[in-house]
Amino acid sequence: MAGYVMDNVSAEEIAKLIGDVLGIPAAEEFYTKTEAPYAAVLTPAARVSAPDMGRYYARTQRYRIELYTKTKADTLRERFKDLIYSTIPAGEFDEEEVSYSSDRLYLTAIEFEIME
């Protein structure tokens, strides 16, 4: 996938990319699978903003991609981050990492916005 950049970013295409490249289950919205590793691509409704008194309208879509693994040391986490950062044409990314001891899962989440 070196050098590949997504032209049309969508939750469906991101889920397909994760499944094809990383070989793990991925779904739009919440995934029903409980056995890690798996990924979910979350998208709230597209937002329309008018920052310059109505003269310029920008439509942005915010995405959150969550990867659940069994351990923090899972090498899949780094491959996941490399894949997203190298293929999604977003200017800025926010990253979050959380350990859920009750579920014994480790979450790596990446959020970004795409201007449509």
N, C-alpha and C. Protein backbone atom coordinates (compact mmCIF):
# COMPACT_ATOMS: atom_id res chain seq x y z
N MET A 1 0.82 -1.20 0.00
CA MET A 1 0.00 0.00 0.00
C MET A 1 0.86 1.27 0.00
N ALA A 2 2.16 1.11 -0.09
CA ALA A 2 3.03 2.28 -0.06
C ALA A 2 2.67 3.23 -1.19
N GLY A 3 2.49 4.49 -0.85
CA GLY A 3 2.19 5.50 -1.84
C GLY A 3 0.71 5.64 -2.18
N TYR A 4 -0.14 4.77 -1.66
CA TYR A 4 -1.58 4.83 -1.94
C TYR A 4 -2.24 5.86 -1.03
N VAL A 5 -3.04 6.75 -1.62
CA VAL A 5 -3.83 7.72 -0.85
C VAL A 5 -5.27 7.61 -1.31
N MET A 6 -6.18 7.52 -0.38
CA MET A 6 -7.61 7.40 -0.71
C MET A 6 -8.11 8.65 -1.42
N ASP A 7 -8.80 8.46 -2.53
CA ASP A 7 -9.42 9.58 -3.24
C ASP A 7 -10.77 9.92 -2.64
N ASN A 8 -11.59 8.92 -2.43
CA ASN A 8 -12.93 9.10 -1.88
C ASN A 8 -13.00 8.46 -0.51
N VAL A 9 -12.88 9.28 0.52
CA VAL A 9 -12.89 8.78 1.88
C VAL A 9 -14.33 8.56 2.32
N SER A 10 -14.62 7.35 2.79
CA SER A 10 -15.94 7.04 3.34
C SER A 10 -15.74 5.96 4.40
N ALA A 11 -16.71 5.84 5.30
CA ALA A 11 -16.62 4.82 6.34
C ALA A 11 -16.52 3.43 5.72
N GLU A 12 -17.29 3.20 4.68
CA GLU A 12 -17.28 1.90 4.00
C GLU A 12 -15.91 1.58 3.41
N GLU A 13 -15.29 2.57 2.75
CA GLU A 13 -13.98 2.36 2.13
C GLU A 13 -12.88 2.18 3.17
N ILE A 14 -12.98 2.92 4.29
CA ILE A 14 -11.98 2.77 5.35
C ILE A 14 -12.08 1.37 5.96
N ALA A 15 -13.29 0.91 6.23
CA ALA A 15 -13.48 -0.43 6.79
C ALA A 15 -12.94 -1.49 5.84
N LYS A 16 -13.19 -1.32 4.55
CA LYS A 16 -12.69 -2.27 3.54
C LYS A 16 -11.16 -2.26 3.50
N LEU A 17 -10.57 -1.07 3.53
CA LEU A 17 -9.11 -0.94 3.52
C LEU A 17 -8.49 -1.65 4.72
N ILE A 18 -9.04 -1.43 5.89
CA ILE A 18 -8.51 -2.08 7.10
C ILE A 18 -8.61 -3.59 6.98
N GLY A 19 -9.74 -4.08 6.52
CA GLY A 19 -9.92 -5.52 6.35
C GLY A 19 -8.96 -6.11 5.33
N ASP A 20 -8.82 -5.42 4.19
CA ASP A 20 -7.95 -5.92 3.11
C ASP A 20 -6.47 -5.90 3.49
N VAL A 21 -6.02 -4.80 4.09
CA VAL A 21 -4.59 -4.64 4.36
C VAL A 21 -4.16 -5.31 5.66
N LEU A 22 -4.94 -5.12 6.72
CA LEU A 22 -4.55 -5.67 8.02
C LEU A 22 -5.12 -7.06 8.28
N GLY A 23 -6.10 -7.46 7.47
CA GLY A 23 -6.66 -8.80 7.61
C GLY A 23 -7.47 -9.02 8.87
N ILE A 24 -8.09 -7.96 9.39
CA ILE A 24 -8.93 -8.09 10.59
C ILE A 24 -10.35 -7.64 10.26
N PRO A 25 -11.34 -8.08 11.03
CA PRO A 25 -12.71 -7.62 10.81
C PRO A 25 -12.82 -6.12 11.08
N ALA A 26 -13.52 -5.42 10.19
CA ALA A 26 -13.75 -3.99 10.36
C ALA A 26 -15.15 -3.69 9.87
N ALA A 27 -15.83 -2.76 10.53
CA ALA A 27 -17.21 -2.44 10.16
C ALA A 27 -17.48 -0.96 10.34
N GLU A 28 -18.47 -0.49 9.60
CA GLU A 28 -18.94 0.87 9.80
C GLU A 28 -19.75 0.88 11.09
N GLU A 29 -19.64 1.96 11.82
CA GLU A 29 -20.33 2.11 13.10
C GLU A 29 -19.83 1.06 14.08
N PHE A 30 -20.69 0.51 14.92
CA PHE A 30 -20.22 -0.39 15.97
C PHE A 30 -20.17 -1.83 15.49
N TYR A 31 -19.10 -2.49 15.83
CA TYR A 31 -18.90 -3.87 15.40
C TYR A 31 -19.49 -4.81 16.45
N THR A 32 -20.17 -5.84 16.03
CA THR A 32 -20.82 -6.75 16.96
C THR A 32 -19.89 -7.86 17.45
N LYS A 33 -18.75 -7.98 16.84
CA LYS A 33 -17.79 -9.02 17.24
C LYS A 33 -17.19 -8.65 18.60
N THR A 34 -16.97 -9.64 19.43
CA THR A 34 -16.40 -9.38 20.75
C THR A 34 -14.97 -9.88 20.90
N GLU A 35 -14.48 -10.61 19.94
CA GLU A 35 -13.13 -11.16 20.01
C GLU A 35 -12.16 -10.23 19.30
N ALA A 36 -11.20 -9.66 20.04
CA ALA A 36 -10.21 -8.76 19.44
C ALA A 36 -9.21 -9.59 18.65
N PRO A 37 -8.58 -9.05 17.63
CA PRO A 37 -8.65 -7.66 17.18
C PRO A 37 -9.80 -7.41 16.20
N TYR A 38 -10.32 -6.20 16.26
CA TYR A 38 -11.32 -5.75 15.30
C TYR A 38 -11.32 -4.23 15.28
N ALA A 39 -11.94 -3.65 14.25
CA ALA A 39 -11.96 -2.19 14.10
C ALA A 39 -13.37 -1.71 13.81
N ALA A 40 -13.65 -0.47 14.22
CA ALA A 40 -14.93 0.18 13.94
C ALA A 40 -14.65 1.57 13.38
N VAL A 41 -15.39 1.95 12.34
CA VAL A 41 -15.25 3.28 11.73
C VAL A 41 -16.51 4.06 12.08
N LEU A 42 -16.37 5.09 12.90
CA LEU A 42 -17.52 5.85 13.40
C LEU A 42 -17.60 7.21 12.71
N THR A 43 -18.80 7.59 12.29
CA THR A 43 -18.99 8.87 11.60
C THR A 43 -20.25 9.56 12.07
N PRO A 44 -20.13 10.68 12.77
CA PRO A 44 -21.33 11.47 13.06
C PRO A 44 -21.81 12.13 11.78
N ALA A 45 -22.97 12.71 11.79
CA ALA A 45 -23.51 13.37 10.60
C ALA A 45 -22.56 14.47 10.13
N ALA A 46 -22.51 14.66 8.83
CA ALA A 46 -21.66 15.71 8.27
C ALA A 46 -22.14 17.06 8.80
N ARG A 47 -21.19 17.94 9.07
CA ARG A 47 -21.53 19.26 9.59
C ARG A 47 -21.24 20.32 8.53
N VAL A 48 -22.08 21.32 8.50
CA VAL A 48 -21.86 22.44 7.58
C VAL A 48 -21.55 23.66 8.43
N SER A 49 -20.47 24.36 8.09
CA SER A 49 -20.11 25.55 8.86
C SER A 49 -19.98 26.75 7.92
N ALA A 50 -20.22 27.92 8.48
CA ALA A 50 -20.11 29.16 7.72
C ALA A 50 -19.25 30.13 8.53
N PRO A 51 -17.93 29.99 8.48
CA PRO A 51 -17.06 30.79 9.33
C PRO A 51 -16.94 32.26 8.93
N ASP A 52 -17.26 32.60 7.70
CA ASP A 52 -17.02 33.96 7.23
C ASP A 52 -18.34 34.66 6.88
N MET A 53 -19.23 34.72 7.84
CA MET A 53 -20.50 35.44 7.68
C MET A 53 -21.29 34.97 6.45
N GLY A 54 -21.25 33.70 6.17
CA GLY A 54 -22.06 33.17 5.08
C GLY A 54 -21.43 33.24 3.71
N ARG A 55 -20.25 33.82 3.58
CA ARG A 55 -19.64 33.93 2.25
C ARG A 55 -18.90 32.67 1.84
N TYR A 56 -18.49 31.87 2.78
CA TYR A 56 -17.74 30.66 2.47
C TYR A 56 -18.35 29.51 3.26
N TYR A 57 -18.77 28.50 2.56
CA TYR A 57 -19.36 27.34 3.22
C TYR A 57 -18.45 26.13 3.04
N ALA A 58 -18.19 25.46 4.11
CA ALA A 58 -17.35 24.26 4.05
C ALA A 58 -18.12 23.10 4.66
N ARG A 59 -18.10 22.00 3.98
CA ARG A 59 -18.76 20.80 4.51
C ARG A 59 -17.65 19.85 4.96
N THR A 60 -17.68 19.51 6.23
CA THR A 60 -16.67 18.61 6.76
C THR A 60 -17.33 17.36 7.34
N GLN A 61 -16.60 16.28 7.26
CA GLN A 61 -17.06 15.01 7.84
C GLN A 61 -16.00 14.56 8.83
N ARG A 62 -16.39 14.31 10.05
CA ARG A 62 -15.46 13.84 11.07
C ARG A 62 -15.55 12.32 11.17
N TYR A 63 -14.40 11.70 11.26
CA TYR A 63 -14.30 10.24 11.37
C TYR A 63 -13.56 9.87 12.64
N ARG A 64 -13.93 8.76 13.21
CA ARG A 64 -13.20 8.17 14.34
C ARG A 64 -13.05 6.68 14.02
N ILE A 65 -11.81 6.23 13.98
CA ILE A 65 -11.54 4.83 13.69
C ILE A 65 -10.97 4.21 14.96
N GLU A 66 -11.62 3.16 15.42
CA GLU A 66 -11.20 2.51 16.66
C GLU A 66 -10.68 1.11 16.36
N LEU A 67 -9.52 0.81 16.89
CA LEU A 67 -8.93 -0.52 16.79
C LEU A 67 -8.88 -1.11 18.19
N TYR A 68 -9.44 -2.29 18.35
CA TYR A 68 -9.41 -2.99 19.63
C TYR A 68 -8.48 -4.18 19.52
N THR A 69 -7.51 -4.25 20.44
CA THR A 69 -6.56 -5.36 20.49
C THR A 69 -6.56 -5.94 21.90
N LYS A 70 -5.95 -7.10 22.04
CA LYS A 70 -5.90 -7.75 23.36
C LYS A 70 -4.80 -7.18 24.24
N THR A 71 -3.73 -6.64 23.63
CA THR A 71 -2.62 -6.10 24.42
C THR A 71 -2.12 -4.80 23.83
N LYS A 72 -1.48 -4.01 24.67
CA LYS A 72 -0.87 -2.76 24.22
C LYS A 72 0.32 -3.05 23.30
N ALA A 73 0.98 -4.17 23.52
CA ALA A 73 2.18 -4.51 22.76
C ALA A 73 1.88 -5.12 21.39
N ASP A 74 0.63 -5.28 21.04
CA ASP A 74 0.26 -5.88 19.75
C ASP A 74 0.83 -5.04 18.60
N THR A 75 1.61 -5.65 17.73
CA THR A 75 2.22 -4.92 16.61
C THR A 75 1.18 -4.41 15.61
N LEU A 76 -0.02 -4.95 15.67
CA LEU A 76 -1.10 -4.50 14.80
C LEU A 76 -1.41 -3.02 15.03
N ARG A 77 -1.22 -2.54 16.25
CA ARG A 77 -1.48 -1.13 16.56
C ARG A 77 -0.63 -0.20 15.69
N GLU A 78 0.66 -0.48 15.58
CA GLU A 78 1.55 0.36 14.78
C GLU A 78 1.23 0.24 13.29
N ARG A 79 0.92 -0.95 12.83
CA ARG A 79 0.54 -1.14 11.42
C ARG A 79 -0.75 -0.38 11.12
N PHE A 80 -1.70 -0.40 12.05
CA PHE A 80 -2.96 0.33 11.92
C PHE A 80 -2.69 1.84 11.79
N LYS A 81 -1.89 2.38 12.70
CA LYS A 81 -1.58 3.82 12.66
C LYS A 81 -0.86 4.19 11.37
N ASP A 82 0.13 3.40 10.97
CA ASP A 82 0.86 3.67 9.73
C ASP A 82 -0.09 3.67 8.53
N LEU A 83 -1.00 2.71 8.48
CA LEU A 83 -1.96 2.61 7.38
C LEU A 83 -2.85 3.85 7.31
N ILE A 84 -3.42 4.24 8.42
CA ILE A 84 -4.33 5.39 8.44
C ILE A 84 -3.59 6.68 8.09
N TYR A 85 -2.45 6.92 8.74
CA TYR A 85 -1.71 8.15 8.49
C TYR A 85 -1.19 8.25 7.06
N SER A 86 -0.89 7.13 6.43
CA SER A 86 -0.32 7.18 5.08
C SER A 86 -1.37 7.17 3.97
N THR A 87 -2.60 6.76 4.26
CA THR A 87 -3.60 6.65 3.18
C THR A 87 -4.74 7.65 3.27
N ILE A 88 -4.98 8.25 4.42
CA ILE A 88 -6.09 9.20 4.58
C ILE A 88 -5.57 10.61 4.38
N PRO A 89 -6.11 11.36 3.42
CA PRO A 89 -5.62 12.71 3.14
C PRO A 89 -6.21 13.77 4.08
N ALA A 90 -5.95 13.63 5.37
CA ALA A 90 -6.42 14.61 6.36
C ALA A 90 -5.23 15.44 6.82
N GLY A 91 -5.47 16.69 7.14
CA GLY A 91 -4.39 17.56 7.59
C GLY A 91 -3.91 17.24 9.00
N GLU A 92 -4.86 17.01 9.90
CA GLU A 92 -4.52 16.75 11.29
C GLU A 92 -5.23 15.50 11.79
N PHE A 93 -4.56 14.79 12.68
CA PHE A 93 -5.12 13.60 13.30
C PHE A 93 -5.05 13.75 14.81
N ASP A 94 -6.06 13.27 15.51
CA ASP A 94 -6.03 13.19 16.97
C ASP A 94 -5.98 11.71 17.32
N GLU A 95 -5.15 11.39 18.30
CA GLU A 95 -4.98 9.98 18.67
C GLU A 95 -5.30 9.78 20.14
N GLU A 96 -5.92 8.65 20.45
CA GLU A 96 -6.28 8.31 21.83
C GLU A 96 -5.97 6.83 22.05
N GLU A 97 -5.44 6.53 23.24
CA GLU A 97 -5.18 5.14 23.60
C GLU A 97 -5.73 4.90 25.00
N VAL A 98 -6.52 3.83 25.15
CA VAL A 98 -7.18 3.53 26.42
C VAL A 98 -7.12 2.02 26.66
N SER A 99 -6.93 1.65 27.91
CA SER A 99 -6.96 0.24 28.29
C SER A 99 -8.24 -0.02 29.08
N TYR A 100 -9.01 -0.99 28.65
CA TYR A 100 -10.24 -1.38 29.34
C TYR A 100 -9.96 -2.67 30.10
N SER A 101 -9.65 -2.55 31.38
CA SER A 101 -9.28 -3.74 32.15
C SER A 101 -10.46 -4.69 32.35
N SER A 102 -11.67 -4.16 32.43
CA SER A 102 -12.82 -5.03 32.64
C SER A 102 -13.07 -5.93 31.43
N ASP A 103 -12.82 -5.41 30.23
CA ASP A 103 -13.01 -6.19 29.01
C ASP A 103 -11.72 -6.81 28.50
N ARG A 104 -10.61 -6.44 29.12
CA ARG A 104 -9.29 -6.88 28.68
C ARG A 104 -9.03 -6.53 27.23
N LEU A 105 -9.38 -5.30 26.89
CA LEU A 105 -9.16 -4.79 25.54
C LEU A 105 -8.33 -3.53 25.60
N TYR A 106 -7.58 -3.29 24.54
CA TYR A 106 -6.80 -2.06 24.43
C TYR A 106 -7.30 -1.32 23.20
N LEU A 107 -7.70 -0.06 23.39
CA LEU A 107 -8.25 0.76 22.31
C LEU A 107 -7.20 1.73 21.79
N THR A 108 -7.06 1.77 20.47
CA THR A 108 -6.28 2.80 19.79
C THR A 108 -7.26 3.48 18.86
N ALA A 109 -7.49 4.79 19.06
CA ALA A 109 -8.46 5.52 18.25
C ALA A 109 -7.78 6.68 17.54
N ILE A 110 -8.18 6.90 16.29
CA ILE A 110 -7.67 8.02 15.50
C ILE A 110 -8.88 8.79 14.98
N GLU A 111 -8.87 10.12 15.18
CA GLU A 111 -9.94 10.98 14.68
C GLU A 111 -9.36 11.98 13.69
N PHE A 112 -10.17 12.33 12.69
CA PHE A 112 -9.75 13.32 11.70
C PHE A 112 -10.98 13.87 10.99
N GLU A 113 -10.80 15.00 10.30
CA GLU A 113 -11.87 15.59 9.50
C GLU A 113 -11.44 15.64 8.05
N ILE A 114 -12.41 15.44 7.17
CA ILE A 114 -12.19 15.54 5.73
C ILE A 114 -13.13 16.61 5.20
N MET A 115 -12.59 17.55 4.45
CA MET A 115 -13.39 18.58 3.80
C MET A 115 -13.99 17.99 2.54
N GLU A 116 -15.29 18.11 2.41
CA GLU A 116 -15.97 17.56 1.22
C GLU A 116 -16.26 18.64 0.22
